[in-house]
Amino acid sequence: MIRITQQREKCIGCNACVEAASYRWRISRKDGRCTLIGSTEKNGLASVVVGEDEFEDNKIAAKNCPVRIIKIEKTR
């Protein structure tokens, strides 16, 4: 399993994460920021735990994020 976290308030809506993993990210029509699909938000961090099969795509999403607000970590 992996945990994906995002500091959504700092998102600039560049769409890089959506291009890397469109099944996990989308642009909000409300504010133009990227949204982590399936996540819950706490203290300004959006977070979701997903299967290993999503690791590579979301690793690319994190790498391509120009403001470096996406973190990917393996969980037990």
PDB file of N, CA and C in Angstrom:
ATOM      1  N   MET A   1       0.838  -1.182   0.000  1.00  0.00           N
ATOM      2  CA  MET A   1       0.000   0.000   0.000  1.00  0.00           C
ATOM      3  C   MET A   1       0.887   1.250   0.000  1.00  0.00           C
ATOM      4  N   ILE A   2       0.350   2.312  -0.576  1.00  0.00           N
ATOM      5  CA  ILE A   2       1.043   3.599  -0.559  1.00  0.00           C
ATOM      6  C   ILE A   2       0.090   4.689  -0.092  1.00  0.00           C
ATOM      7  N   ARG A   3       0.665   5.714   0.520  1.00  0.00           N
ATOM      8  CA  ARG A   3      -0.116   6.879   0.947  1.00  0.00           C
ATOM      9  C   ARG A   3       0.300   8.046   0.055  1.00  0.00           C
ATOM     10  N   ILE A   4      -0.701   8.711  -0.505  1.00  0.00           N
ATOM     11  CA  ILE A   4      -0.472   9.911  -1.300  1.00  0.00           C
ATOM     12  C   ILE A   4      -1.003  11.081  -0.484  1.00  0.00           C
ATOM     13  N   THR A   5      -0.186  12.118  -0.327  1.00  0.00           N
ATOM     14  CA  THR A   5      -0.643  13.314   0.365  1.00  0.00           C
ATOM     15  C   THR A   5      -0.397  14.536  -0.511  1.00  0.00           C
ATOM     16  N   GLN A   6      -1.245  15.535  -0.324  1.00  0.00           N
ATOM     17  CA  GLN A   6      -1.176  16.763  -1.109  1.00  0.00           C
ATOM     18  C   GLN A   6      -1.508  17.957  -0.219  1.00  0.00           C
ATOM     19  N   GLN A   7      -0.728  19.012  -0.343  1.00  0.00           N
ATOM     20  CA  GLN A   7      -1.030  20.281   0.315  1.00  0.00           C
ATOM     21  C   GLN A   7      -1.857  21.104  -0.667  1.00  0.00           C
ATOM     22  N   ARG A   8      -3.149  20.857  -0.689  1.00  0.00           N
ATOM     23  CA  ARG A   8      -4.019  21.409  -1.725  1.00  0.00           C
ATOM     24  C   ARG A   8      -4.022  22.939  -1.778  1.00  0.00           C
ATOM     25  N   GLU A   9      -3.943  23.598  -0.652  1.00  0.00           N
ATOM     26  CA  GLU A   9      -3.981  25.068  -0.626  1.00  0.00           C
ATOM     27  C   GLU A   9      -2.836  25.692  -1.424  1.00  0.00           C
ATOM     28  N   LYS A  10      -1.735  24.975  -1.570  1.00  0.00           N
ATOM     29  CA  LYS A  10      -0.574  25.489  -2.297  1.00  0.00           C
ATOM     30  C   LYS A  10      -0.602  25.122  -3.781  1.00  0.00           C
ATOM     31  N   CYS A  11      -1.616  24.373  -4.206  1.00  0.00           N
ATOM     32  CA  CYS A  11      -1.720  23.937  -5.603  1.00  0.00           C
ATOM     33  C   CYS A  11      -1.928  25.138  -6.523  1.00  0.00           C
ATOM     34  N   ILE A  12      -1.243  25.113  -7.668  1.00  0.00           N
ATOM     35  CA  ILE A  12      -1.393  26.178  -8.663  1.00  0.00           C
ATOM     36  C   ILE A  12      -2.225  25.720  -9.866  1.00  0.00           C
ATOM     37  N   GLY A  13      -2.709  24.488  -9.839  1.00  0.00           N
ATOM     38  CA  GLY A  13      -3.579  23.987 -10.901  1.00  0.00           C
ATOM     39  C   GLY A  13      -2.901  23.784 -12.238  1.00  0.00           C
ATOM     40  N   CYS A  14      -1.662  23.350 -12.233  1.00  0.00           N
ATOM     41  CA  CYS A  14      -0.900  23.205 -13.482  1.00  0.00           C
ATOM     42  C   CYS A  14      -1.297  21.978 -14.302  1.00  0.00           C
ATOM     43  N   ASN A  15      -1.979  21.014 -13.680  1.00  0.00           N
ATOM     44  CA  ASN A  15      -2.482  19.824 -14.356  1.00  0.00           C
ATOM     45  C   ASN A  15      -1.447  18.708 -14.549  1.00  0.00           C
ATOM     46  N   ALA A  16      -0.235  18.858 -14.049  1.00  0.00           N
ATOM     47  CA  ALA A  16       0.810  17.839 -14.239  1.00  0.00           C
ATOM     48  C   ALA A  16       0.415  16.514 -13.597  1.00  0.00           C
ATOM     49  N   CYS A  17      -0.200  16.565 -12.423  1.00  0.00           N
ATOM     50  CA  CYS A  17      -0.608  15.329 -11.746  1.00  0.00           C
ATOM     51  C   CYS A  17      -1.742  14.637 -12.494  1.00  0.00           C
ATOM     52  N   VAL A  18      -2.654  15.410 -13.048  1.00  0.00           N
ATOM     53  CA  VAL A  18      -3.770  14.842 -13.809  1.00  0.00           C
ATOM     54  C   VAL A  18      -3.239  14.118 -15.043  1.00  0.00           C
ATOM     55  N   GLU A  19      -2.260  14.701 -15.695  1.00  0.00           N
ATOM     56  CA  GLU A  19      -1.663  14.073 -16.882  1.00  0.00           C
ATOM     57  C   GLU A  19      -0.964  12.770 -16.530  1.00  0.00           C
ATOM     58  N   ALA A  20      -0.372  12.678 -15.361  1.00  0.00           N
ATOM     59  CA  ALA A  20       0.360  11.475 -14.951  1.00  0.00           C
ATOM     60  C   ALA A  20      -0.567  10.372 -14.455  1.00  0.00           C
ATOM     61  N   ALA A  21      -1.655  10.735 -13.762  1.00  0.00           N
ATOM     62  CA  ALA A  21      -2.554   9.740 -13.154  1.00  0.00           C
ATOM     63  C   ALA A  21      -3.980  10.286 -13.103  1.00  0.00           C
ATOM     64  N   SER A  22      -4.620  10.332 -14.257  1.00  0.00           N
ATOM     65  CA  SER A  22      -5.955  10.945 -14.337  1.00  0.00           C
ATOM     66  C   SER A  22      -7.017  10.192 -13.539  1.00  0.00           C
ATOM     67  N   TYR A  23      -6.770   8.949 -13.201  1.00  0.00           N
ATOM     68  CA  TYR A  23      -7.714   8.179 -12.389  1.00  0.00           C
ATOM     69  C   TYR A  23      -7.644   8.589 -10.922  1.00  0.00           C
ATOM     70  N   ARG A  24      -6.591   9.308 -10.510  1.00  0.00           N
ATOM     71  CA  ARG A  24      -6.413   9.687  -9.108  1.00  0.00           C
ATOM     72  C   ARG A  24      -6.481  11.196  -8.897  1.00  0.00           C
ATOM     73  N   TRP A  25      -6.346  11.994  -9.973  1.00  0.00           N
ATOM     74  CA  TRP A  25      -6.331  13.451  -9.875  1.00  0.00           C
ATOM     75  C   TRP A  25      -7.311  14.076 -10.850  1.00  0.00           C
ATOM     76  N   ARG A  26      -7.865  15.226 -10.462  1.00  0.00           N
ATOM     77  CA  ARG A  26      -8.712  16.000 -11.370  1.00  0.00           C
ATOM     78  C   ARG A  26      -8.617  17.478 -11.001  1.00  0.00           C
ATOM     79  N   ILE A  27      -8.942  18.321 -11.963  1.00  0.00           N
ATOM     80  CA  ILE A  27      -8.980  19.764 -11.730  1.00  0.00           C
ATOM     81  C   ILE A  27     -10.371  20.118 -11.231  1.00  0.00           C
ATOM     82  N   SER A  28     -10.432  20.871 -10.150  1.00  0.00           N
ATOM     83  CA  SER A  28     -11.710  21.301  -9.592  1.00  0.00           C
ATOM     84  C   SER A  28     -12.289  22.434 -10.438  1.00  0.00           C
ATOM     85  N   ARG A  29     -13.539  22.321 -10.796  1.00  0.00           N
ATOM     86  CA  ARG A  29     -14.209  23.401 -11.517  1.00  0.00           C
ATOM     87  C   ARG A  29     -14.481  24.578 -10.593  1.00  0.00           C
ATOM     88  N   LYS A  30     -14.514  24.297  -9.318  1.00  0.00           N
ATOM     89  CA  LYS A  30     -14.831  25.325  -8.325  1.00  0.00           C
ATOM     90  C   LYS A  30     -13.696  26.334  -8.134  1.00  0.00           C
ATOM     91  N   ASP A  31     -12.456  25.835  -7.970  1.00  0.00           N
ATOM     92  CA  ASP A  31     -11.349  26.754  -7.699  1.00  0.00           C
ATOM     93  C   ASP A  31     -10.127  26.578  -8.606  1.00  0.00           C
ATOM     94  N   GLY A  32     -10.169  25.630  -9.546  1.00  0.00           N
ATOM     95  CA  GLY A  32      -9.074  25.451 -10.491  1.00  0.00           C
ATOM     96  C   GLY A  32      -7.861  24.713  -9.954  1.00  0.00           C
ATOM     97  N   ARG A  33      -7.941  24.245  -8.712  1.00  0.00           N
ATOM     98  CA  ARG A  33      -6.847  23.483  -8.133  1.00  0.00           C
ATOM     99  C   ARG A  33      -7.048  21.992  -8.383  1.00  0.00           C
ATOM    100  N   CYS A  34      -5.961  21.244  -8.303  1.00  0.00           N
ATOM    101  CA  CYS A  34      -6.043  19.802  -8.471  1.00  0.00           C
ATOM    102  C   CYS A  34      -6.567  19.157  -7.196  1.00  0.00           C
ATOM    103  N   THR A  35      -7.388  18.143  -7.383  1.00  0.00           N
ATOM    104  CA  THR A  35      -8.013  17.427  -6.283  1.00  0.00           C
ATOM    105  C   THR A  35      -7.556  15.979  -6.312  1.00  0.00           C
ATOM    106  N   LEU A  36      -7.201  15.460  -5.165  1.00  0.00           N
ATOM    107  CA  LEU A  36      -6.804  14.062  -5.005  1.00  0.00           C
ATOM    108  C   LEU A  36      -8.072  13.233  -4.820  1.00  0.00           C
ATOM    109  N   ILE A  37      -8.441  12.476  -5.828  1.00  0.00           N
ATOM    110  CA  ILE A  37      -9.694  11.714  -5.835  1.00  0.00           C
ATOM    111  C   ILE A  37      -9.668  10.636  -4.747  1.00  0.00           C
ATOM    112  N   GLY A  38     -10.735  10.593  -3.954  1.00  0.00           N
ATOM    113  CA  GLY A  38     -10.881   9.592  -2.910  1.00  0.00           C
ATOM    114  C   GLY A  38     -10.222   9.957  -1.592  1.00  0.00           C
ATOM    115  N   SER A  39      -9.671  11.158  -1.512  1.00  0.00           N
ATOM    116  CA  SER A  39      -8.929  11.549  -0.312  1.00  0.00           C
ATOM    117  C   SER A  39      -9.826  12.146   0.765  1.00  0.00           C
ATOM    118  N   THR A  40      -9.279  12.189   1.952  1.00  0.00           N
ATOM    119  CA  THR A  40      -9.891  12.926   3.051  1.00  0.00           C
ATOM    120  C   THR A  40      -8.913  14.032   3.422  1.00  0.00           C
ATOM    121  N   GLU A  41      -9.452  15.132   3.927  1.00  0.00           N
ATOM    122  CA  GLU A  41      -8.598  16.265   4.256  1.00  0.00           C
ATOM    123  C   GLU A  41      -8.557  16.498   5.759  1.00  0.00           C
ATOM    124  N   LYS A  42      -7.355  16.729   6.260  1.00  0.00           N
ATOM    125  CA  LYS A  42      -7.160  17.012   7.680  1.00  0.00           C
ATOM    126  C   LYS A  42      -5.982  17.963   7.825  1.00  0.00           C
ATOM    127  N   ASN A  43      -6.188  19.046   8.526  1.00  0.00           N
ATOM    128  CA  ASN A  43      -5.142  20.040   8.761  1.00  0.00           C
ATOM    129  C   ASN A  43      -4.467  20.514   7.474  1.00  0.00           C
ATOM    130  N   GLY A  44      -5.249  20.706   6.429  1.00  0.00           N
ATOM    131  CA  GLY A  44      -4.713  21.213   5.174  1.00  0.00           C
ATOM    132  C   GLY A  44      -4.038  20.184   4.287  1.00  0.00           C
ATOM    133  N   LEU A  45      -4.036  18.919   4.699  1.00  0.00           N
ATOM    134  CA  LEU A  45      -3.444  17.849   3.890  1.00  0.00           C
ATOM    135  C   LEU A  45      -4.525  16.900   3.394  1.00  0.00           C
ATOM    136  N   ALA A  46      -4.584  16.707   2.097  1.00  0.00           N
ATOM    137  CA  ALA A  46      -5.453  15.692   1.518  1.00  0.00           C
ATOM    138  C   ALA A  46      -4.642  14.406   1.489  1.00  0.00           C
ATOM    139  N   SER A  47      -5.266  13.281   1.855  1.00  0.00           N
ATOM    140  CA  SER A  47      -4.534  12.025   1.952  1.00  0.00           C
ATOM    141  C   SER A  47      -5.415  10.850   1.553  1.00  0.00           C
ATOM    142  N   VAL A  48      -4.799   9.865   0.893  1.00  0.00           N
ATOM    143  CA  VAL A  48      -5.490   8.638   0.520  1.00  0.00           C
ATOM    144  C   VAL A  48      -4.483   7.492   0.509  1.00  0.00           C
ATOM    145  N   VAL A  49      -4.933   6.312   0.913  1.00  0.00           N
ATOM    146  CA  VAL A  49      -4.106   5.107   0.851  1.00  0.00           C
ATOM    147  C   VAL A  49      -4.625   4.255  -0.293  1.00  0.00           C
ATOM    148  N   VAL A  50      -3.715   3.854  -1.177  1.00  0.00           N
ATOM    149  CA  VAL A  50      -4.087   3.086  -2.370  1.00  0.00           C
ATOM    150  C   VAL A  50      -3.141   1.906  -2.543  1.00  0.00           C
ATOM    151  N   GLY A  51      -3.422   1.072  -3.526  1.00  0.00           N
ATOM    152  CA  GLY A  51      -2.607  -0.099  -3.802  1.00  0.00           C
ATOM    153  C   GLY A  51      -1.294   0.236  -4.489  1.00  0.00           C
ATOM    154  N   GLU A  52      -0.391  -0.725  -4.439  1.00  0.00           N
ATOM    155  CA  GLU A  52       0.941  -0.584  -5.058  1.00  0.00           C
ATOM    156  C   GLU A  52       0.860  -0.310  -6.558  1.00  0.00           C
ATOM    157  N   ASP A  53      -0.215  -0.742  -7.196  1.00  0.00           N
ATOM    158  CA  ASP A  53      -0.359  -0.561  -8.637  1.00  0.00           C
ATOM    159  C   ASP A  53      -0.394   0.912  -9.053  1.00  0.00           C
ATOM    160  N   GLU A  54      -0.653   1.817  -8.117  1.00  0.00           N
ATOM    161  CA  GLU A  54      -0.706   3.241  -8.423  1.00  0.00           C
ATOM    162  C   GLU A  54       0.612   3.963  -8.134  1.00  0.00           C
ATOM    163  N   PHE A  55       1.595   3.244  -7.639  1.00  0.00           N
ATOM    164  CA  PHE A  55       2.847   3.876  -7.206  1.00  0.00           C
ATOM    165  C   PHE A  55       3.563   4.624  -8.325  1.00  0.00           C
ATOM    166  N   GLU A  56       3.831   3.973  -9.425  1.00  0.00           N
ATOM    167  CA  GLU A  56       4.647   4.576 -10.489  1.00  0.00           C
ATOM    168  C   GLU A  56       4.007   5.837 -11.065  1.00  0.00           C
ATOM    169  N   ASP A  57       2.714   5.781 -11.403  1.00  0.00           N
ATOM    170  CA  ASP A  57       2.037   6.950 -11.976  1.00  0.00           C
ATOM    171  C   ASP A  57       2.034   8.130 -11.011  1.00  0.00           C
ATOM    172  N   ASN A  58       1.772   7.857  -9.744  1.00  0.00           N
ATOM    173  CA  ASN A  58       1.712   8.942  -8.773  1.00  0.00           C
ATOM    174  C   ASN A  58       3.093   9.442  -8.375  1.00  0.00           C
ATOM    175  N   LYS A  59       4.096   8.604  -8.503  1.00  0.00           N
ATOM    176  CA  LYS A  59       5.474   9.041  -8.304  1.00  0.00           C
ATOM    177  C   LYS A  59       5.835  10.066  -9.386  1.00  0.00           C
ATOM    178  N   ILE A  60       5.391   9.800 -10.600  1.00  0.00           N
ATOM    179  CA  ILE A  60       5.604  10.748 -11.703  1.00  0.00           C
ATOM    180  C   ILE A  60       4.831  12.040 -11.439  1.00  0.00           C
ATOM    181  N   ALA A  61       3.602  11.909 -10.945  1.00  0.00           N
ATOM    182  CA  ALA A  61       2.804  13.096 -10.617  1.00  0.00           C
ATOM    183  C   ALA A  61       3.523  13.963  -9.588  1.00  0.00           C
ATOM    184  N   ALA A  62       4.074  13.340  -8.554  1.00  0.00           N
ATOM    185  CA  ALA A  62       4.798  14.078  -7.515  1.00  0.00           C
ATOM    186  C   ALA A  62       6.055  14.736  -8.087  1.00  0.00           C
ATOM    187  N   LYS A  63       6.773  14.007  -8.926  1.00  0.00           N
ATOM    188  CA  LYS A  63       8.005  14.530  -9.519  1.00  0.00           C
ATOM    189  C   LYS A  63       7.726  15.717 -10.437  1.00  0.00           C
ATOM    190  N   ASN A  64       6.620  15.656 -11.181  1.00  0.00           N
ATOM    191  CA  ASN A  64       6.297  16.700 -12.144  1.00  0.00           C
ATOM    192  C   ASN A  64       5.627  17.925 -11.526  1.00  0.00           C
ATOM    193  N   CYS A  65       5.219  17.831 -10.269  1.00  0.00           N
ATOM    194  CA  CYS A  65       4.553  18.953  -9.602  1.00  0.00           C
ATOM    195  C   CYS A  65       5.548  20.098  -9.412  1.00  0.00           C
ATOM    196  N   PRO A  66       5.305  21.250 -10.032  1.00  0.00           N
ATOM    197  CA  PRO A  66       6.280  22.343  -9.946  1.00  0.00           C
ATOM    198  C   PRO A  66       6.394  22.976  -8.552  1.00  0.00           C
ATOM    199  N   VAL A  67       5.362  22.830  -7.726  1.00  0.00           N
ATOM    200  CA  VAL A  67       5.414  23.420  -6.380  1.00  0.00           C
ATOM    201  C   VAL A  67       5.698  22.382  -5.303  1.00  0.00           C
ATOM    202  N   ARG A  68       5.936  21.125  -5.709  1.00  0.00           N
ATOM    203  CA  ARG A  68       6.355  20.032  -4.813  1.00  0.00           C
ATOM    204  C   ARG A  68       5.443  19.850  -3.599  1.00  0.00           C
ATOM    205  N   ILE A  69       4.141  19.745  -3.860  1.00  0.00           N
ATOM    206  CA  ILE A  69       3.176  19.598  -2.763  1.00  0.00           C
ATOM    207  C   ILE A  69       2.595  18.199  -2.666  1.00  0.00           C
ATOM    208  N   ILE A  70       3.087  17.274  -3.495  1.00  0.00           N
ATOM    209  CA  ILE A  70       2.605  15.893  -3.492  1.00  0.00           C
ATOM    210  C   ILE A  70       3.701  14.995  -2.918  1.00  0.00           C
ATOM    211  N   LYS A  71       3.325  14.162  -1.978  1.00  0.00           N
ATOM    212  CA  LYS A  71       4.271  13.214  -1.375  1.00  0.00           C
ATOM    213  C   LYS A  71       3.712  11.800  -1.525  1.00  0.00           C
ATOM    214  N   ILE A  72       4.600  10.858  -1.829  1.00  0.00           N
ATOM    215  CA  ILE A  72       4.241   9.462  -1.971  1.00  0.00           C
ATOM    216  C   ILE A  72       5.092   8.672  -0.978  1.00  0.00           C
ATOM    217  N   GLU A  73       4.444   7.840  -0.168  1.00  0.00           N
ATOM    218  CA  GLU A  73       5.208   7.009   0.763  1.00  0.00           C
ATOM    219  C   GLU A  73       4.574   5.620   0.856  1.00  0.00           C
ATOM    220  N   LYS A  74       5.433   4.630   0.984  1.00  0.00           N
ATOM    221  CA  LYS A  74       4.952   3.263   1.147  1.00  0.00           C
ATOM    222  C   LYS A  74       4.532   3.060   2.593  1.00  0.00           C
ATOM    223  N   THR A  75       3.408   2.366   2.780  1.00  0.00           N
ATOM    224  CA  THR A  75       2.917   2.063   4.139  1.00  0.00           C
ATOM    225  C   THR A  75       2.973   0.564   4.336  1.00  0.00           C
ATOM    226  N   ARG A  76       2.778   0.149   5.546  1.00  0.00           N
ATOM    227  CA  ARG A  76       2.812  -1.293   5.837  1.00  0.00           C
ATOM    228  C   ARG A  76       1.432  -1.870   5.898  1.00  0.00           C
TER     229      ARG A  76
END
